[in-house]
């Protein structure tokens, strides 16, 4: 009788997993790291909830949940892709009225166009500085996340 009850509970858990994961998998695509990060985030959210629940038996379950939450917060920053927007605050403060609209000009003798912007050389240098800072911040988050996972993921079992 115990084995029947256990199998029934496992069946219900499997159905719940399908329901829980369906929206994430439905939206999954193969061409962008965003989708990979979303799947990882969803899994970590489930794990963090478990480690904060009374179902967790590990003595370090609260610490494990905190470490998982650190990974989730890092993933949230990575998924938001707001690195450039945040880094451009310096540019926006110096040039609050800058028109970010791209202008397209015809290439003489062809049917093609090239885009241009209205940045001065000084603005271009500042933009590149901000862009480089954004790229550095994003790389630091990726490095931090995967080192954090390497250092802790094997502790996350109960």
Foldseek 3Di string as FASTA:
>chain_A
DVVVVVVVVVVVVVVVVCVLCVVLVVPADDPDCLSVLVVVLSVLVVLLVCLVDPNDDDPCSPVLSVLSVVLNVLSVCLNVLCLLVVLCPVVCVVPVPADPDWDWDDDPPDPDIDIDGDDDPVSVVSSVVSVVRSVVVSVVSVVVNVVSCVVRVVVRDD
